[in-house]
Every structure is written in structure tokens, then in C-alpha cells.
């Protein structure tokens, strides 16, 4: 078994376009989702079928369950980014407060 850490999920996720559309087989019913042909370019693991197939008889399909690990990892990456930014800001605030205390004590 070859297990590796996955990164870059947030970047991949930001390149997935969300669209409103009507299926050829279900006109008049608007859906929101991703277009398989577009998703295949950025995250082919979640797409089945061929872009050369007939969209009416053999359309490409999106397996939304395969997007779940990407979503989880993207949330983890985003939380790590937020945490780092908050820690940096807190460090700057603490530094400013320390300088203010030092200045107040010195005077």
C-alpha cells in the first residue's frame, strides 16, 4: 500500500465551477452542480465517462461522493491558514502590548 499526504485541496476546490443547469433528459427542472467536462480538468477522480461520448445516450457523470475527501481536506487547509493568521495577529498584538507596558514602566 502506498499512502501519501494530500495537499492543495483548497486550490483544486477553488477551481471547480458551480453552475445552474437543466439536464437534457429533464428540461424545465433547474439544478445546481458541477459540469463533468469541467470537473474532469481539475479533479478527474470524481468523473466517469468520456468527453467524446454522446451526451444524450452516454453522458459523463459526476460522482459527488468522491468530492468528499477533497472537501474535508480543503476545510482542514483553510482552518490551518486561519489559525496561522490569527496566531500571527495575536503575536503582533502581544508585542505591541509588551512595548506599551515597557514604555509605560520606563516613564
PDB file of N, CA and C in Angstrom:
ATOM      1  N   UNK A   1       0.855  -1.181   0.000  1.00  0.00           N
ATOM      2  CA  UNK A   1       0.000   0.000   0.000  1.00  0.00           C
ATOM      3  C   UNK A   1       0.894   1.235   0.000  1.00  0.00           C
ATOM      4  N   UNK A   2       0.556   2.195  -0.808  1.00  0.00           N
ATOM      5  CA  UNK A   2       1.341   3.423  -0.934  1.00  0.00           C
ATOM      6  C   UNK A   2       0.473   4.600  -0.490  1.00  0.00           C
ATOM      7  N   UNK A   3       0.673   5.062   0.738  1.00  0.00           N
ATOM      8  CA  UNK A   3      -0.151   6.136   1.298  1.00  0.00           C
ATOM      9  C   UNK A   3       0.682   7.401   1.393  1.00  0.00           C
ATOM     10  N   UNK A   4       0.139   8.486   0.871  1.00  0.00           N
ATOM     11  CA  UNK A   4       0.815   9.784   0.911  1.00  0.00           C
ATOM     12  C   UNK A   4      -0.164  10.842   1.383  1.00  0.00           C
ATOM     13  N   UNK A   5       0.373  11.870   2.008  1.00  0.00           N
ATOM     14  CA  UNK A   5      -0.450  13.009   2.428  1.00  0.00           C
ATOM     15  C   UNK A   5      -0.874  13.789   1.183  1.00  0.00           C
ATOM     16  N   UNK A   6      -2.112  14.234   1.150  1.00  0.00           N
ATOM     17  CA  UNK A   6      -2.613  15.028   0.026  1.00  0.00           C
ATOM     18  C   UNK A   6      -2.650  16.493   0.445  1.00  0.00           C
ATOM     19  N   UNK A   7      -2.211  17.352  -0.438  1.00  0.00           N
ATOM     20  CA  UNK A   7      -2.293  18.784  -0.176  1.00  0.00           C
ATOM     21  C   UNK A   7      -2.799  19.472  -1.432  1.00  0.00           C
ATOM     22  N   UNK A   8      -3.055  20.741  -1.331  1.00  0.00           N
ATOM     23  CA  UNK A   8      -3.520  21.549  -2.456  1.00  0.00           C
ATOM     24  C   UNK A   8      -5.023  21.421  -2.702  1.00  0.00           C
ATOM     25  N   UNK A   9      -5.752  20.862  -1.765  1.00  0.00           N
ATOM     26  CA  UNK A   9      -7.190  20.673  -1.952  1.00  0.00           C
ATOM     27  C   UNK A   9      -7.928  22.001  -2.088  1.00  0.00           C
ATOM     28  N   UNK A  10      -7.524  22.988  -1.322  1.00  0.00           N
ATOM     29  CA  UNK A  10      -8.202  24.286  -1.380  1.00  0.00           C
ATOM     30  C   UNK A  10      -8.043  24.919  -2.760  1.00  0.00           C
ATOM     31  N   UNK A  11      -6.866  24.780  -3.327  1.00  0.00           N
ATOM     32  CA  UNK A  11      -6.630  25.300  -4.667  1.00  0.00           C
ATOM     33  C   UNK A  11      -7.478  24.559  -5.697  1.00  0.00           C
ATOM     34  N   UNK A  12      -7.516  23.238  -5.599  1.00  0.00           N
ATOM     35  CA  UNK A  12      -8.331  22.445  -6.528  1.00  0.00           C
ATOM     36  C   UNK A  12      -9.799  22.831  -6.386  1.00  0.00           C
ATOM     37  N   UNK A  13     -10.250  22.911  -5.152  1.00  0.00           N
ATOM     38  CA  UNK A  13     -11.650  23.244  -4.894  1.00  0.00           C
ATOM     39  C   UNK A  13     -12.026  24.618  -5.452  1.00  0.00           C
ATOM     40  N   UNK A  14     -11.118  25.570  -5.350  1.00  0.00           N
ATOM     41  CA  UNK A  14     -11.420  26.917  -5.850  1.00  0.00           C
ATOM     42  C   UNK A  14     -11.493  26.958  -7.372  1.00  0.00           C
ATOM     43  N   UNK A  15     -10.996  25.920  -8.030  1.00  0.00           N
ATOM     44  CA  UNK A  15     -11.052  25.859  -9.485  1.00  0.00           C
ATOM     45  C   UNK A  15     -12.229  25.044 -10.012  1.00  0.00           C
ATOM     46  N   UNK A  16     -13.083  24.609  -9.117  1.00  0.00           N
ATOM     47  CA  UNK A  16     -14.284  23.868  -9.532  1.00  0.00           C
ATOM     48  C   UNK A  16     -15.432  24.855  -9.665  1.00  0.00           C
ATOM     49  N   UNK A  17     -15.960  24.950 -10.856  1.00  0.00           N
ATOM     50  CA  UNK A  17     -17.065  25.874 -11.099  1.00  0.00           C
ATOM     51  C   UNK A  17     -18.408  25.266 -10.716  1.00  0.00           C
ATOM     52  N   UNK A  18     -19.227  26.047 -10.069  1.00  0.00           N
ATOM     53  CA  UNK A  18     -20.587  25.626  -9.712  1.00  0.00           C
ATOM     54  C   UNK A  18     -21.540  26.311 -10.680  1.00  0.00           C
ATOM     55  N   UNK A  19     -22.415  25.529 -11.283  1.00  0.00           N
ATOM     56  CA  UNK A  19     -23.304  26.041 -12.332  1.00  0.00           C
ATOM     57  C   UNK A  19     -24.765  25.714 -12.033  1.00  0.00           C
ATOM     58  N   UNK A  20     -25.641  26.521 -12.631  1.00  0.00           N
ATOM     59  CA  UNK A  20     -27.074  26.195 -12.703  1.00  0.00           C
ATOM     60  C   UNK A  20     -27.294  25.619 -14.090  1.00  0.00           C
ATOM     61  N   UNK A  21     -28.070  24.562 -14.158  1.00  0.00           N
ATOM     62  CA  UNK A  21     -28.300  23.936 -15.461  1.00  0.00           C
ATOM     63  C   UNK A  21     -29.589  23.127 -15.457  1.00  0.00           C
ATOM     64  N   UNK A  22     -30.033  22.766 -16.643  1.00  0.00           N
ATOM     65  CA  UNK A  22     -31.137  21.830 -16.832  1.00  0.00           C
ATOM     66  C   UNK A  22     -30.579  20.638 -17.590  1.00  0.00           C
ATOM     67  N   UNK A  23     -30.902  19.454 -17.163  1.00  0.00           N
ATOM     68  CA  UNK A  23     -30.457  18.262 -17.872  1.00  0.00           C
ATOM     69  C   UNK A  23     -31.253  18.121 -19.167  1.00  0.00           C
ATOM     70  N   UNK A  24     -30.585  17.593 -20.170  1.00  0.00           N
ATOM     71  CA  UNK A  24     -31.271  17.335 -21.440  1.00  0.00           C
ATOM     72  C   UNK A  24     -32.443  16.392 -21.200  1.00  0.00           C
ATOM     73  N   UNK A  25     -32.252  15.427 -20.304  1.00  0.00           N
ATOM     74  CA  UNK A  25     -33.287  14.427 -20.019  1.00  0.00           C
ATOM     75  C   UNK A  25     -34.375  14.942 -19.080  1.00  0.00           C
ATOM     76  N   UNK A  26     -34.186  16.131 -18.518  1.00  0.00           N
ATOM     77  CA  UNK A  26     -35.139  16.645 -17.544  1.00  0.00           C
ATOM     78  C   UNK A  26     -35.328  18.156 -17.725  1.00  0.00           C
ATOM     79  N   UNK A  27     -35.801  18.584 -18.901  1.00  0.00           N
ATOM     80  CA  UNK A  27     -35.932  20.025 -19.155  1.00  0.00           C
ATOM     81  C   UNK A  27     -36.948  20.679 -18.217  1.00  0.00           C
ATOM     82  N   UNK A  28     -36.680  21.937 -17.905  1.00  0.00           N
ATOM     83  CA  UNK A  28     -37.582  22.689 -17.038  1.00  0.00           C
ATOM     84  C   UNK A  28     -37.261  22.554 -15.561  1.00  0.00           C
ATOM     85  N   UNK A  29     -36.409  21.623 -15.206  1.00  0.00           N
ATOM     86  CA  UNK A  29     -36.015  21.415 -13.811  1.00  0.00           C
ATOM     87  C   UNK A  29     -34.577  21.916 -13.659  1.00  0.00           C
ATOM     88  N   UNK A  30     -34.422  23.039 -12.962  1.00  0.00           N
ATOM     89  CA  UNK A  30     -33.101  23.615 -12.784  1.00  0.00           C
ATOM     90  C   UNK A  30     -32.377  22.942 -11.629  1.00  0.00           C
ATOM     91  N   UNK A  31     -31.107  22.631 -11.856  1.00  0.00           N
ATOM     92  CA  UNK A  31     -30.262  22.024 -10.828  1.00  0.00           C
ATOM     93  C   UNK A  31     -29.026  22.893 -10.625  1.00  0.00           C
ATOM     94  N   UNK A  32     -28.352  22.688  -9.515  1.00  0.00           N
ATOM     95  CA  UNK A  32     -27.089  23.358  -9.240  1.00  0.00           C
ATOM     96  C   UNK A  32     -26.059  22.261  -9.006  1.00  0.00           C
ATOM     97  N   UNK A  33     -24.937  22.385  -9.680  1.00  0.00           N
ATOM     98  CA  UNK A  33     -23.895  21.374  -9.524  1.00  0.00           C
ATOM     99  C   UNK A  33     -22.688  21.717 -10.345  1.00  0.00           C
ATOM    100  N   UNK A  34     -21.938  20.686 -10.679  1.00  0.00           N
ATOM    101  CA  UNK A  34     -20.748  20.875 -11.493  1.00  0.00           C
ATOM    102  C   UNK A  34     -20.940  20.182 -12.831  1.00  0.00           C
ATOM    103  N   UNK A  35     -20.243  20.681 -13.823  1.00  0.00           N
ATOM    104  CA  UNK A  35     -20.296  20.097 -15.153  1.00  0.00           C
ATOM    105  C   UNK A  35     -19.137  19.093 -15.243  1.00  0.00           C
ATOM    106  N   UNK A  36     -19.460  17.857 -15.584  1.00  0.00           N
ATOM    107  CA  UNK A  36     -18.463  16.788 -15.585  1.00  0.00           C
ATOM    108  C   UNK A  36     -17.263  17.122 -16.463  1.00  0.00           C
ATOM    109  N   UNK A  37     -17.505  17.693 -17.628  1.00  0.00           N
ATOM    110  CA  UNK A  37     -16.410  18.015 -18.545  1.00  0.00           C
ATOM    111  C   UNK A  37     -15.460  19.050 -17.930  1.00  0.00           C
ATOM    112  N   UNK A  38     -16.005  19.989 -17.160  1.00  0.00           N
ATOM    113  CA  UNK A  38     -15.170  20.993 -16.492  1.00  0.00           C
ATOM    114  C   UNK A  38     -14.443  20.383 -15.299  1.00  0.00           C
ATOM    115  N   UNK A  39     -15.142  19.568 -14.528  1.00  0.00           N
ATOM    116  CA  UNK A  39     -14.551  18.944 -13.350  1.00  0.00           C
ATOM    117  C   UNK A  39     -13.417  18.006 -13.738  1.00  0.00           C
ATOM    118  N   UNK A  40     -13.566  17.336 -14.865  1.00  0.00           N
ATOM    119  CA  UNK A  40     -12.531  16.397 -15.299  1.00  0.00           C
ATOM    120  C   UNK A  40     -11.171  17.075 -15.457  1.00  0.00           C
ATOM    121  N   UNK A  41     -11.172  18.351 -15.788  1.00  0.00           N
ATOM    122  CA  UNK A  41      -9.912  19.087 -15.982  1.00  0.00           C
ATOM    123  C   UNK A  41      -9.188  19.354 -14.664  1.00  0.00           C
ATOM    124  N   UNK A  42      -9.928  19.509 -13.576  1.00  0.00           N
ATOM    125  CA  UNK A  42      -9.301  19.859 -12.296  1.00  0.00           C
ATOM    126  C   UNK A  42      -9.333  18.734 -11.260  1.00  0.00           C
ATOM    127  N   UNK A  43     -10.278  17.817 -11.371  1.00  0.00           N
ATOM    128  CA  UNK A  43     -10.392  16.724 -10.402  1.00  0.00           C
ATOM    129  C   UNK A  43     -11.027  15.505 -11.081  1.00  0.00           C
ATOM    130  N   UNK A  44     -10.268  14.854 -11.958  1.00  0.00           N
ATOM    131  CA  UNK A  44     -10.826  13.748 -12.755  1.00  0.00           C
ATOM    132  C   UNK A  44     -11.253  12.527 -11.940  1.00  0.00           C
ATOM    133  N   UNK A  45     -10.775  12.418 -10.698  1.00  0.00           N
ATOM    134  CA  UNK A  45     -11.144  11.276  -9.853  1.00  0.00           C
ATOM    135  C   UNK A  45     -12.644  11.174  -9.631  1.00  0.00           C
ATOM    136  N   UNK A  46     -13.347  12.288  -9.764  1.00  0.00           N
ATOM    137  CA  UNK A  46     -14.783  12.292  -9.472  1.00  0.00           C
ATOM    138  C   UNK A  46     -15.646  12.214 -10.727  1.00  0.00           C
ATOM    139  N   UNK A  47     -15.012  11.919 -11.865  1.00  0.00           N
ATOM    140  CA  UNK A  47     -15.746  11.914 -13.133  1.00  0.00           C
ATOM    141  C   UNK A  47     -15.619  10.550 -13.800  1.00  0.00           C
ATOM    142  N   UNK A  48     -16.728  10.100 -14.381  1.00  0.00           N
ATOM    143  CA  UNK A  48     -16.682   8.877 -15.185  1.00  0.00           C
ATOM    144  C   UNK A  48     -17.248   9.191 -16.561  1.00  0.00           C
ATOM    145  N   UNK A  49     -16.880   8.371 -17.514  1.00  0.00           N
ATOM    146  CA  UNK A  49     -17.342   8.580 -18.882  1.00  0.00           C
ATOM    147  C   UNK A  49     -16.305   9.302 -19.715  1.00  0.00           C
ATOM    148  N   UNK A  50     -16.630   9.486 -20.965  1.00  0.00           N
ATOM    149  CA  UNK A  50     -15.697  10.097 -21.907  1.00  0.00           C
ATOM    150  C   UNK A  50     -16.255  11.401 -22.455  1.00  0.00           C
ATOM    151  N   UNK A  51     -15.408  12.418 -22.595  1.00  0.00           N
ATOM    152  CA  UNK A  51     -15.885  13.671 -23.175  1.00  0.00           C
ATOM    153  C   UNK A  51     -16.274  13.524 -24.641  1.00  0.00           C
ATOM    154  N   UNK A  52     -15.860  12.427 -25.259  1.00  0.00           N
ATOM    155  CA  UNK A  52     -16.194  12.180 -26.662  1.00  0.00           C
ATOM    156  C   UNK A  52     -17.516  11.441 -26.844  1.00  0.00           C
ATOM    157  N   UNK A  53     -18.117  10.999 -25.744  1.00  0.00           N
ATOM    158  CA  UNK A  53     -19.366  10.229 -25.854  1.00  0.00           C
ATOM    159  C   UNK A  53     -20.549  11.145 -26.145  1.00  0.00           C
ATOM    160  N   UNK A  54     -21.615  10.560 -26.595  1.00  0.00           N
ATOM    161  CA  UNK A  54     -22.860  11.289 -26.901  1.00  0.00           C
ATOM    162  C   UNK A  54     -23.534  11.677 -25.580  1.00  0.00           C
ATOM    163  N   UNK A  55     -23.736  12.984 -25.371  1.00  0.00           N
ATOM    164  CA  UNK A  55     -24.311  13.452 -24.103  1.00  0.00           C
ATOM    165  C   UNK A  55     -25.746  12.971 -23.896  1.00  0.00           C
ATOM    166  N   UNK A  56     -26.437  12.614 -24.965  1.00  0.00           N
ATOM    167  CA  UNK A  56     -27.822  12.140 -24.826  1.00  0.00           C
ATOM    168  C   UNK A  56     -27.895  10.661 -24.474  1.00  0.00           C
ATOM    169  N   UNK A  57     -26.992   9.858 -24.996  1.00  0.00           N
ATOM    170  CA  UNK A  57     -27.072   8.418 -24.758  1.00  0.00           C
ATOM    171  C   UNK A  57     -26.074   7.903 -23.737  1.00  0.00           C
ATOM    172  N   UNK A  58     -24.937   8.585 -23.587  1.00  0.00           N
ATOM    173  CA  UNK A  58     -23.893   8.132 -22.664  1.00  0.00           C
ATOM    174  C   UNK A  58     -23.195   9.340 -22.038  1.00  0.00           C
ATOM    175  N   UNK A  59     -23.908  10.099 -21.232  1.00  0.00           N
ATOM    176  CA  UNK A  59     -23.320  11.328 -20.684  1.00  0.00           C
ATOM    177  C   UNK A  59     -22.232  11.032 -19.649  1.00  0.00           C
ATOM    178  N   UNK A  60     -21.318  11.976 -19.525  1.00  0.00           N
ATOM    179  CA  UNK A  60     -20.333  11.887 -18.449  1.00  0.00           C
ATOM    180  C   UNK A  60     -21.071  12.107 -17.135  1.00  0.00           C
ATOM    181  N   UNK A  61     -20.553  11.524 -16.076  1.00  0.00           N
ATOM    182  CA  UNK A  61     -21.217  11.615 -14.785  1.00  0.00           C
ATOM    183  C   UNK A  61     -20.236  12.086 -13.713  1.00  0.00           C
ATOM    184  N   UNK A  62     -20.783  12.806 -12.726  1.00  0.00           N
ATOM    185  CA  UNK A  62     -20.013  13.248 -11.564  1.00  0.00           C
ATOM    186  C   UNK A  62     -20.406  12.369 -10.385  1.00  0.00           C
ATOM    187  N   UNK A  63     -19.417  11.797  -9.732  1.00  0.00           N
ATOM    188  CA  UNK A  63     -19.644  11.034  -8.507  1.00  0.00           C
ATOM    189  C   UNK A  63     -19.354  11.981  -7.342  1.00  0.00           C
ATOM    190  N   UNK A  64     -20.406  12.622  -6.857  1.00  0.00           N
ATOM    191  CA  UNK A  64     -20.246  13.639  -5.810  1.00  0.00           C
ATOM    192  C   UNK A  64     -19.621  13.071  -4.532  1.00  0.00           C
ATOM    193  N   UNK A  65     -19.792  11.787  -4.277  1.00  0.00           N
ATOM    194  CA  UNK A  65     -19.186  11.206  -3.071  1.00  0.00           C
ATOM    195  C   UNK A  65     -17.662  11.252  -3.139  1.00  0.00           C
ATOM    196  N   UNK A  66     -17.103  11.265  -4.330  1.00  0.00           N
ATOM    197  CA  UNK A  66     -15.647  11.330  -4.467  1.00  0.00           C
ATOM    198  C   UNK A  66     -15.113  12.741  -4.228  1.00  0.00           C
ATOM    199  N   UNK A  67     -16.001  13.711  -4.126  1.00  0.00           N
ATOM    200  CA  UNK A  67     -15.585  15.072  -3.780  1.00  0.00           C
ATOM    201  C   UNK A  67     -15.426  15.240  -2.269  1.00  0.00           C
ATOM    202  N   UNK A  68     -15.996  14.342  -1.492  1.00  0.00           N
ATOM    203  CA  UNK A  68     -15.970  14.460  -0.034  1.00  0.00           C
ATOM    204  C   UNK A  68     -14.559  14.552   0.545  1.00  0.00           C
ATOM    205  N   UNK A  69     -13.616  13.672   0.175  1.00  0.00           N
ATOM    206  CA  UNK A  69     -12.265  13.810   0.744  1.00  0.00           C
ATOM    207  C   UNK A  69     -11.628  15.152   0.379  1.00  0.00           C
ATOM    208  N   UNK A  70     -11.889  15.626  -0.826  1.00  0.00           N
ATOM    209  CA  UNK A  70     -11.362  16.922  -1.243  1.00  0.00           C
ATOM    210  C   UNK A  70     -11.941  18.040  -0.389  1.00  0.00           C
ATOM    211  N   UNK A  71     -13.237  17.976  -0.117  1.00  0.00           N
ATOM    212  CA  UNK A  71     -13.885  18.981   0.723  1.00  0.00           C
ATOM    213  C   UNK A  71     -13.340  18.965   2.148  1.00  0.00           C
ATOM    214  N   UNK A  72     -13.170  17.783   2.692  1.00  0.00           N
ATOM    215  CA  UNK A  72     -12.633  17.665   4.057  1.00  0.00           C
ATOM    216  C   UNK A  72     -11.233  18.252   4.122  1.00  0.00           C
ATOM    217  N   UNK A  73     -10.383  17.877   3.174  1.00  0.00           N
ATOM    218  CA  UNK A  73      -9.008  18.377   3.174  1.00  0.00           C
ATOM    219  C   UNK A  73      -8.968  19.886   2.966  1.00  0.00           C
ATOM    220  N   UNK A  74      -9.838  20.413   2.105  1.00  0.00           N
ATOM    221  CA  UNK A  74      -9.884  21.861   1.873  1.00  0.00           C
ATOM    222  C   UNK A  74     -10.270  22.603   3.151  1.00  0.00           C
ATOM    223  N   UNK A  75     -11.223  22.077   3.901  1.00  0.00           N
ATOM    224  CA  UNK A  75     -11.607  22.696   5.175  1.00  0.00           C
ATOM    225  C   UNK A  75     -10.433  22.653   6.143  1.00  0.00           C
ATOM    226  N   UNK A  76      -9.723  21.532   6.193  1.00  0.00           N
ATOM    227  CA  UNK A  76      -8.555  21.424   7.074  1.00  0.00           C
ATOM    228  C   UNK A  76      -7.487  22.450   6.694  1.00  0.00           C
ATOM    229  N   UNK A  77      -7.219  22.569   5.395  1.00  0.00           N
ATOM    230  CA  UNK A  77      -6.229  23.544   4.940  1.00  0.00           C
ATOM    231  C   UNK A  77      -6.663  24.968   5.263  1.00  0.00           C
ATOM    232  N   UNK A  78      -7.933  25.235   5.059  1.00  0.00           N
ATOM    233  CA  UNK A  78      -8.452  26.578   5.345  1.00  0.00           C
ATOM    234  C   UNK A  78      -8.340  26.883   6.835  1.00  0.00           C
ATOM    235  N   UNK A  79      -8.664  25.924   7.680  1.00  0.00           N
ATOM    236  CA  UNK A  79      -8.563  26.129   9.127  1.00  0.00           C
ATOM    237  C   UNK A  79      -7.119  26.378   9.541  1.00  0.00           C
ATOM    238  N   UNK A  80      -6.184  25.674   8.931  1.00  0.00           N
ATOM    239  CA  UNK A  80      -4.772  25.874   9.247  1.00  0.00           C
ATOM    240  C   UNK A  80      -4.334  27.278   8.840  1.00  0.00           C
ATOM    241  N   UNK A  81      -4.782  27.740   7.695  1.00  0.00           N
ATOM    242  CA  UNK A  81      -4.474  29.101   7.239  1.00  0.00           C
ATOM    243  C   UNK A  81      -5.046  30.135   8.197  1.00  0.00           C
ATOM    244  N   UNK A  82      -6.297  29.950   8.594  1.00  0.00           N
ATOM    245  CA  UNK A  82      -6.941  30.873   9.539  1.00  0.00           C
ATOM    246  C   UNK A  82      -6.190  30.867  10.868  1.00  0.00           C
ATOM    247  N   UNK A  83      -5.855  29.676  11.356  1.00  0.00           N
ATOM    248  CA  UNK A  83      -5.137  29.549  12.630  1.00  0.00           C
ATOM    249  C   UNK A  83      -3.804  30.289  12.582  1.00  0.00           C
ATOM    250  N   UNK A  84      -3.051  30.105  11.495  1.00  0.00           N
ATOM    251  CA  UNK A  84      -1.750  30.775  11.367  1.00  0.00           C
ATOM    252  C   UNK A  84      -1.912  32.287  11.335  1.00  0.00           C
ATOM    253  N   UNK A  85      -2.901  32.772  10.607  1.00  0.00           N
ATOM    254  CA  UNK A  85      -3.119  34.220  10.528  1.00  0.00           C
ATOM    255  C   UNK A  85      -3.519  34.784  11.886  1.00  0.00           C
ATOM    256  N   UNK A  86      -4.384  34.074  12.599  1.00  0.00           N
ATOM    257  CA  UNK A  86      -4.782  34.528  13.932  1.00  0.00           C
ATOM    258  C   UNK A  86      -3.597  34.515  14.897  1.00  0.00           C
ATOM    259  N   UNK A  87      -2.768  33.477  14.821  1.00  0.00           N
ATOM    260  CA  UNK A  87      -1.594  33.416  15.687  1.00  0.00           C
ATOM    261  C   UNK A  87      -0.634  34.559  15.384  1.00  0.00           C
ATOM    262  N   UNK A  88      -0.451  34.867  14.087  1.00  0.00           N
ATOM    263  CA  UNK A  88       0.410  35.994  13.704  1.00  0.00           C
ATOM    264  C   UNK A  88      -0.133  37.312  14.243  1.00  0.00           C
ATOM    265  N   UNK A  89      -1.428  37.516  14.100  1.00  0.00           N
ATOM    266  CA  UNK A  89      -2.044  38.756  14.594  1.00  0.00           C
ATOM    267  C   UNK A  89      -1.927  38.843  16.110  1.00  0.00           C
ATOM    268  N   UNK A  90      -2.190  37.737  16.785  1.00  0.00           N
ATOM    269  CA  UNK A  90      -2.085  37.712  18.242  1.00  0.00           C
ATOM    270  C   UNK A  90      -0.656  38.025  18.682  1.00  0.00           C
ATOM    271  N   UNK A  91       0.306  37.462  17.996  1.00  0.00           N
ATOM    272  CA  UNK A  91       1.708  37.726  18.314  1.00  0.00           C
ATOM    273  C   UNK A  91       2.034  39.210  18.155  1.00  0.00           C
ATOM    274  N   UNK A  92       1.537  39.821  17.097  1.00  0.00           N
ATOM    275  CA  UNK A  92       1.769  41.255  16.874  1.00  0.00           C
ATOM    276  C   UNK A  92       1.105  42.098  17.964  1.00  0.00           C
ATOM    277  N   UNK A  93      -0.108  41.724  18.343  1.00  0.00           N
ATOM    278  CA  UNK A  93      -0.823  42.452  19.403  1.00  0.00           C
ATOM    279  C   UNK A  93      -0.072  42.321  20.723  1.00  0.00           C
ATOM    280  N   UNK A  94       0.366  41.104  21.041  1.00  0.00           N
ATOM    281  CA  UNK A  94       1.109  40.895  22.286  1.00  0.00           C
ATOM    282  C   UNK A  94       2.406  41.693  22.281  1.00  0.00           C
ATOM    283  N   UNK A  95       3.068  41.751  21.139  1.00  0.00           N
ATOM    284  CA  UNK A  95       4.306  42.527  21.018  1.00  0.00           C
ATOM    285  C   UNK A  95       4.039  44.012  21.243  1.00  0.00           C
ATOM    286  N   UNK A  96       2.971  44.521  20.648  1.00  0.00           N
ATOM    287  CA  UNK A  96       2.606  45.925  20.839  1.00  0.00           C
ATOM    288  C   UNK A  96       2.267  46.221  22.303  1.00  0.00           C
ATOM    289  N   UNK A  97       1.521  45.318  22.924  1.00  0.00           N
ATOM    290  CA  UNK A  97       1.169  45.493  24.338  1.00  0.00           C
ATOM    291  C   UNK A  97       2.415  45.469  25.218  1.00  0.00           C
ATOM    292  N   UNK A  98       3.348  44.583  24.915  1.00  0.00           N
ATOM    293  CA  UNK A  98       4.587  44.491  25.686  1.00  0.00           C
ATOM    294  C   UNK A  98       5.401  45.779  25.544  1.00  0.00           C
ATOM    295  N   UNK A  99       5.480  46.322  24.325  1.00  0.00           N
ATOM    296  CA  UNK A  99       6.194  47.567  24.119  1.00  0.00           C
ATOM    297  C   UNK A  99       5.525  48.712  24.868  1.00  0.00           C
ATOM    298  N   UNK A 100       4.202  48.695  24.867  1.00  0.00           N
ATOM    299  CA  UNK A 100       3.450  49.740  25.560  1.00  0.00           C
ATOM    300  C   UNK A 100       3.717  49.634  27.067  1.00  0.00           C
ATOM    301  N   UNK A 101       3.708  48.439  27.608  1.00  0.00           N
ATOM    302  CA  UNK A 101       3.987  48.229  29.040  1.00  0.00           C
ATOM    303  C   UNK A 101       5.405  48.675  29.372  1.00  0.00           C
ATOM    304  N   UNK A 102       6.350  48.334  28.518  1.00  0.00           N
ATOM    305  CA  UNK A 102       7.751  48.718  28.747  1.00  0.00           C
ATOM    306  C   UNK A 102       7.885  50.241  28.716  1.00  0.00           C
ATOM    307  N   UNK A 103       7.216  50.877  27.750  1.00  0.00           N
ATOM    308  CA  UNK A 103       7.277  52.342  27.652  1.00  0.00           C
ATOM    309  C   UNK A 103       6.638  52.983  28.861  1.00  0.00           C
ATOM    310  N   UNK A 104       5.521  52.450  29.319  1.00  0.00           N
ATOM    311  CA  UNK A 104       4.808  53.000  30.472  1.00  0.00           C
ATOM    312  C   UNK A 104       5.647  52.849  31.739  1.00  0.00           C
ATOM    313  N   UNK A 105       6.285  51.707  31.926  1.00  0.00           N
ATOM    314  CA  UNK A 105       7.101  51.444  33.103  1.00  0.00           C
ATOM    315  C   UNK A 105       8.363  52.316  33.085  1.00  0.00           C
ATOM    316  N   UNK A 106       8.935  52.522  31.927  1.00  0.00           N
ATOM    317  CA  UNK A 106      10.167  53.317  31.790  1.00  0.00           C
ATOM    318  C   UNK A 106       9.927  54.777  32.095  1.00  0.00           C
ATOM    319  N   UNK A 107       8.738  55.269  31.812  1.00  0.00           N
ATOM    320  CA  UNK A 107       8.428  56.699  32.025  1.00  0.00           C
ATOM    321  C   UNK A 107       7.982  56.855  33.418  1.00  0.00           C
TER     322      UNK A 107
END
